[in-house]
């Protein structure tokens, strides 16, 4: 069958013309929308790719950290054990007797007419639960043996001076015998006993680990100063009764 177009020629060309018509605007708008969708899709795909790479990197980092945590897991319990032992170590340090400070103070207050031959001492037991500045009970004990010039007042001077040292209390004379045979000149052999006082924290309050600075350095300095003041006070108080400049009896 043959198709016949009955429209006039001018109407035929107008129907097929797209210039300036609504169809042209609609097609142009559609093409623009499609272009925008294509650009947006490409941008989103690129962005998703970048995010996936970041996620992959983070996953690798997390996996590495998990491996590291697994390697360090045995040390977690060790850290807890060290913390618990540190408490015990600090308690031992706080309640140990300050031997160095005691001996420095003792050197200040020994009369010139007296010389020590030896001492036997036992400090108070360690108490990790004791609080700072507490005096431990039961108290320790110390026994001094020595020689002095033959006057008994020299031994009495030693006993009195012992009581001026803050580490000692209730000093008493246990023995004093005149010796005319051992030395070239007469001398008194004596024995003095005293309570040994342990002040919690006098020798520091924390245990040192590795290269840590000495704990309580200021407090240690204060104790040393106090010892010097105690010794000086005792020296000034009893120097008038001491026979200065006379050497202690020497053994032949």
Protein backbone atom coordinates (compact mmCIF):
# COMPACT_ATOMS: atom_id res chain seq x y z
CA UNK A 1 0.00 0.00 0.00
CA UNK A 2 1.35 3.39 -0.89
CA UNK A 3 1.39 6.13 1.72
CA UNK A 4 0.23 9.56 0.61
CA UNK A 5 0.94 12.73 2.65
CA UNK A 6 -2.01 15.06 2.20
CA UNK A 7 -0.40 18.03 4.09
CA UNK A 8 0.77 21.00 2.10
CA UNK A 9 4.53 21.17 1.50
CA UNK A 10 5.01 24.14 3.87
CA UNK A 11 3.26 22.29 6.67
CA UNK A 12 5.32 19.16 6.08
CA UNK A 13 8.65 21.04 6.64
CA UNK A 14 7.30 22.80 9.74
CA UNK A 15 6.35 19.50 11.43
CA UNK A 16 9.81 18.06 11.06
CA UNK A 17 11.67 21.26 12.12
CA UNK A 18 13.18 21.19 15.61
CA UNK A 19 14.58 24.69 15.67
CA UNK A 20 13.03 26.72 18.50
CA UNK A 21 10.38 24.17 19.32
CA UNK A 22 9.48 22.60 22.71
CA UNK A 23 10.89 19.27 21.66
CA UNK A 24 14.31 20.80 21.08
CA UNK A 25 14.32 22.36 24.54
CA UNK A 26 13.22 19.08 26.09
CA UNK A 27 15.95 17.13 24.31
CA UNK A 28 18.62 19.69 25.29
CA UNK A 29 17.50 19.56 28.93
CA UNK A 30 17.59 15.77 28.90
CA UNK A 31 21.08 15.75 27.44
CA UNK A 32 22.27 18.18 30.14
CA UNK A 33 20.73 16.07 32.90
CA UNK A 34 22.38 12.96 31.48
CA UNK A 35 25.73 14.73 31.37
CA UNK A 36 25.38 15.86 34.98
CA UNK A 37 24.41 12.35 36.05
CA UNK A 38 27.40 10.91 34.20
CA UNK A 39 29.85 13.40 35.80
CA UNK A 40 28.35 12.84 39.26
CA UNK A 41 28.54 9.08 38.83
CA UNK A 42 32.19 9.25 37.77
CA UNK A 43 33.02 11.53 40.74
CA UNK A 44 31.25 9.20 43.17
CA UNK A 45 33.03 6.17 41.76
CA UNK A 46 36.39 7.91 42.15
CA UNK A 47 35.50 8.96 45.69
CA UNK A 48 34.37 5.45 46.61
CA UNK A 49 37.62 4.06 45.25
CA UNK A 50 39.64 6.47 47.37
CA UNK A 51 37.61 5.69 50.51
CA UNK A 52 38.03 1.97 49.90
CA UNK A 53 41.78 2.48 49.69
CA UNK A 54 41.73 4.41 52.98
CA UNK A 55 39.66 1.66 54.60
CA UNK A 56 42.13 -0.94 53.34
CA UNK A 57 45.03 1.06 54.81
CA UNK A 58 43.20 1.37 58.13
CA UNK A 59 42.49 -2.35 58.14
CA UNK A 60 46.18 -3.04 57.61
CA UNK A 61 47.08 -0.66 60.45
CA UNK A 62 44.54 -2.26 62.77
CA UNK A 63 45.86 -5.70 61.91
CA UNK A 64 49.43 -4.56 62.65
CA UNK A 65 48.35 -3.05 65.98
CA UNK A 66 46.51 -6.24 66.89
CA UNK A 67 49.68 -8.20 66.21
CA UNK A 68 51.61 -5.75 68.39
CA UNK A 69 49.03 -6.02 71.17
CA UNK A 70 49.25 -9.78 70.99
CA UNK A 71 53.03 -9.56 71.38
CA UNK A 72 52.70 -7.23 74.38
CA UNK A 73 49.87 -9.15 76.06
CA UNK A 74 52.25 -11.13 78.34
CA UNK A 75 53.64 -7.85 79.69
CA UNK A 76 50.24 -6.58 80.82
CA UNK A 77 50.22 -9.00 83.75
CA UNK A 78 53.87 -8.18 84.40
CA UNK A 79 52.98 -4.51 84.73
CA UNK A 80 50.30 -5.36 87.29
CA UNK A 81 52.78 -7.53 89.19
CA UNK A 82 55.35 -4.74 89.19
CA UNK A 83 52.78 -2.26 90.49
CA UNK A 84 51.88 -4.62 93.34
CA UNK A 85 55.53 -5.27 94.16
CA UNK A 86 56.28 -1.55 93.98
CA UNK A 87 53.88 -0.99 96.89
CA UNK A 88 55.76 -3.58 98.93
CA UNK A 89 59.14 -2.14 97.93
CA UNK A 90 58.04 1.37 98.91
CA UNK A 91 56.87 0.01 102.26
CA UNK A 92 60.25 -1.61 102.85
CA UNK A 93 62.09 1.61 101.94
CA UNK A 94 59.88 3.71 104.22
CA UNK A 95 60.34 1.47 107.24
CA UNK A 96 64.03 0.59 106.96
CA UNK A 97 66.35 2.12 109.52
CA UNK A 98 68.41 5.10 108.33
CA UNK A 99 71.81 3.63 109.12
CA UNK A 100 73.83 6.20 107.18
CA UNK A 101 72.14 9.13 108.92
CA UNK A 102 72.45 7.41 112.30
CA UNK A 103 76.21 6.87 111.90
CA UNK A 104 76.77 10.45 110.70
CA UNK A 105 74.93 11.77 113.74
CA UNK A 106 76.81 9.40 116.02
CA UNK A 107 80.13 10.74 114.74
CA UNK A 108 79.12 14.24 115.89
CA UNK A 109 78.36 13.37 119.49
CA UNK A 110 81.07 10.92 120.60
CA UNK A 111 83.11 12.74 123.30
CA UNK A 112 86.80 13.28 122.63
CA UNK A 113 87.63 11.41 125.83
CA UNK A 114 85.80 8.32 124.56
CA UNK A 115 86.38 5.89 121.73
CA UNK A 116 84.07 3.18 120.47
CA UNK A 117 85.32 -0.34 119.85
CA UNK A 118 82.13 -1.72 118.34
CA UNK A 119 78.37 -1.83 118.33
CA UNK A 120 75.76 -4.52 117.84
CA UNK A 121 72.34 -3.39 116.65
CA UNK A 122 69.03 -4.79 115.51
CA UNK A 123 66.44 -2.44 113.97
CA UNK A 124 62.66 -2.71 114.19
CA UNK A 125 60.97 -5.22 111.85
CA UNK A 126 59.81 -3.87 108.51
CA UNK A 127 56.13 -2.89 108.41
CA UNK A 128 54.94 -2.10 104.86
CA UNK A 129 51.60 -0.79 106.17
CA UNK A 130 53.11 1.81 108.50
CA UNK A 131 52.32 5.47 107.81
CA UNK A 132 54.86 8.25 107.34
CA UNK A 133 56.48 9.76 110.48
CA UNK A 134 55.30 6.83 112.58
CA UNK A 135 57.75 5.26 115.06
CA UNK A 136 57.87 1.51 114.52
CA UNK A 137 57.11 -0.83 117.38
CA UNK A 138 58.69 -2.86 118.82
CA UNK A 139 61.73 -0.66 118.87
CA UNK A 140 65.15 -1.94 117.93
CA UNK A 141 68.15 -2.21 120.23
CA UNK A 142 71.81 -1.24 120.04
CA UNK A 143 74.74 -1.97 122.32
CA UNK A 144 77.94 0.12 122.28
CA UNK A 145 81.26 -1.09 123.62
CA UNK A 146 84.17 1.29 124.06
CA UNK A 147 86.93 2.81 126.13
CA UNK A 148 87.23 6.09 127.92
CA UNK A 149 89.68 7.92 130.13
CA UNK A 150 89.50 6.56 133.66
CA UNK A 151 87.07 9.13 135.08
CA UNK A 152 83.53 7.73 135.21
CA UNK A 153 82.18 11.13 134.26
CA UNK A 154 83.51 10.51 130.75
CA UNK A 155 81.30 7.43 130.42
CA UNK A 156 78.35 9.33 131.85
CA UNK A 157 79.01 12.07 129.29
CA UNK A 158 78.81 9.46 126.51
CA UNK A 159 75.50 8.09 127.83
CA UNK A 160 73.96 11.56 128.06
CA UNK A 161 75.05 12.44 124.55
CA UNK A 162 73.54 9.24 123.19
CA UNK A 163 70.13 10.44 124.34
CA UNK A 164 70.52 13.65 122.31
CA UNK A 165 70.55 11.66 119.06
CA UNK A 166 67.03 11.31 117.70
CA UNK A 167 67.64 7.72 116.61
CA UNK A 168 68.31 6.61 120.20
CA UNK A 169 66.24 6.60 123.38
CA UNK A 170 66.59 5.43 126.98
CA UNK A 171 70.36 4.96 126.82
CA UNK A 172 71.76 3.29 129.92
CA UNK A 173 75.11 2.09 131.21
CA UNK A 174 75.34 -1.70 131.47
CA UNK A 175 79.00 -2.11 132.33
CA UNK A 176 81.98 0.04 133.33
CA UNK A 177 85.21 -1.61 134.51
CA UNK A 178 88.54 -0.03 135.26
CA UNK A 179 91.34 -1.68 133.29
CA UNK A 180 94.85 -1.23 134.70
CA UNK A 181 96.54 -4.06 132.81
CA UNK A 182 95.67 -3.94 129.09
CA UNK A 183 96.85 -0.41 128.29
CA UNK A 184 99.85 1.68 129.19
CA UNK A 185 97.59 3.87 131.31
CA UNK A 186 94.36 3.20 133.16
CA UNK A 187 91.17 3.13 131.10
CA UNK A 188 87.49 2.37 131.55
CA UNK A 189 85.93 -0.37 129.42
CA UNK A 190 82.22 0.23 129.20
CA UNK A 191 79.06 -1.07 127.59
CA UNK A 192 76.01 1.09 126.89
CA UNK A 193 72.64 -0.13 125.58
CA UNK A 194 69.93 1.95 123.97
CA UNK A 195 66.65 1.65 122.12
CA UNK A 196 66.94 2.09 118.37
CA UNK A 197 64.14 4.26 116.95
CA UNK A 198 62.97 3.79 113.35
CA UNK A 199 61.01 6.73 111.94
CA UNK A 200 58.94 5.77 108.92
CA UNK A 201 60.14 7.74 105.90
CA UNK A 202 63.36 8.98 107.51
CA UNK A 203 65.43 7.24 104.82
CA UNK A 204 63.08 7.97 101.88
CA UNK A 205 59.55 6.91 101.05
CA UNK A 206 59.86 5.40 97.55
CA UNK A 207 62.03 2.70 96.02
CA UNK A 208 64.37 3.79 93.25
CA UNK A 209 63.98 1.99 89.92
CA UNK A 210 66.57 2.31 87.19
CA UNK A 211 67.89 5.85 86.78
CA UNK A 212 65.21 7.58 88.82
CA UNK A 213 66.30 10.55 90.88
CA UNK A 214 66.71 9.81 94.59
CA UNK A 215 63.30 10.18 96.25
CA UNK A 216 62.76 12.63 99.07
CA UNK A 217 66.10 14.32 98.43
CA UNK A 218 64.90 17.46 100.16
CA UNK A 219 63.83 15.45 103.17
CA UNK A 220 67.18 13.66 103.28
CA UNK A 221 68.96 16.98 103.29
CA UNK A 222 66.78 18.17 106.12
CA UNK A 223 67.61 15.10 108.17
CA UNK A 224 71.32 15.61 107.59
CA UNK A 225 71.01 19.21 108.74
CA UNK A 226 69.12 18.15 111.84
CA UNK A 227 71.83 15.68 112.68
CA UNK A 228 74.47 18.34 112.40
CA UNK A 229 72.47 20.65 114.63
CA UNK A 230 71.97 17.87 117.19
CA UNK A 231 75.66 17.13 117.25
CA UNK A 232 76.63 20.79 117.53
CA UNK A 233 74.17 21.37 120.37
CA UNK A 234 75.50 18.37 122.24
CA UNK A 235 79.08 19.47 121.63
CA UNK A 236 78.38 22.95 122.96
CA UNK A 237 76.41 21.62 125.93
CA UNK A 238 79.01 19.16 127.14
CA UNK A 239 82.30 20.55 125.84
CA UNK A 240 82.91 22.41 129.10
CA UNK A 241 82.98 19.12 131.03
CA UNK A 242 85.03 17.18 128.46
CA UNK A 243 88.77 16.92 128.74
CA UNK A 244 89.58 18.17 125.28
CA UNK A 245 92.97 17.74 123.73
CA UNK A 246 93.71 14.48 125.60
CA UNK A 247 93.99 11.41 123.46
CA UNK A 248 92.06 8.25 124.28
CA UNK A 249 94.05 5.41 125.82
CA UNK A 250 96.07 3.57 123.23
CA UNK A 251 96.74 -0.13 123.23
CA UNK A 252 100.37 -1.13 123.60
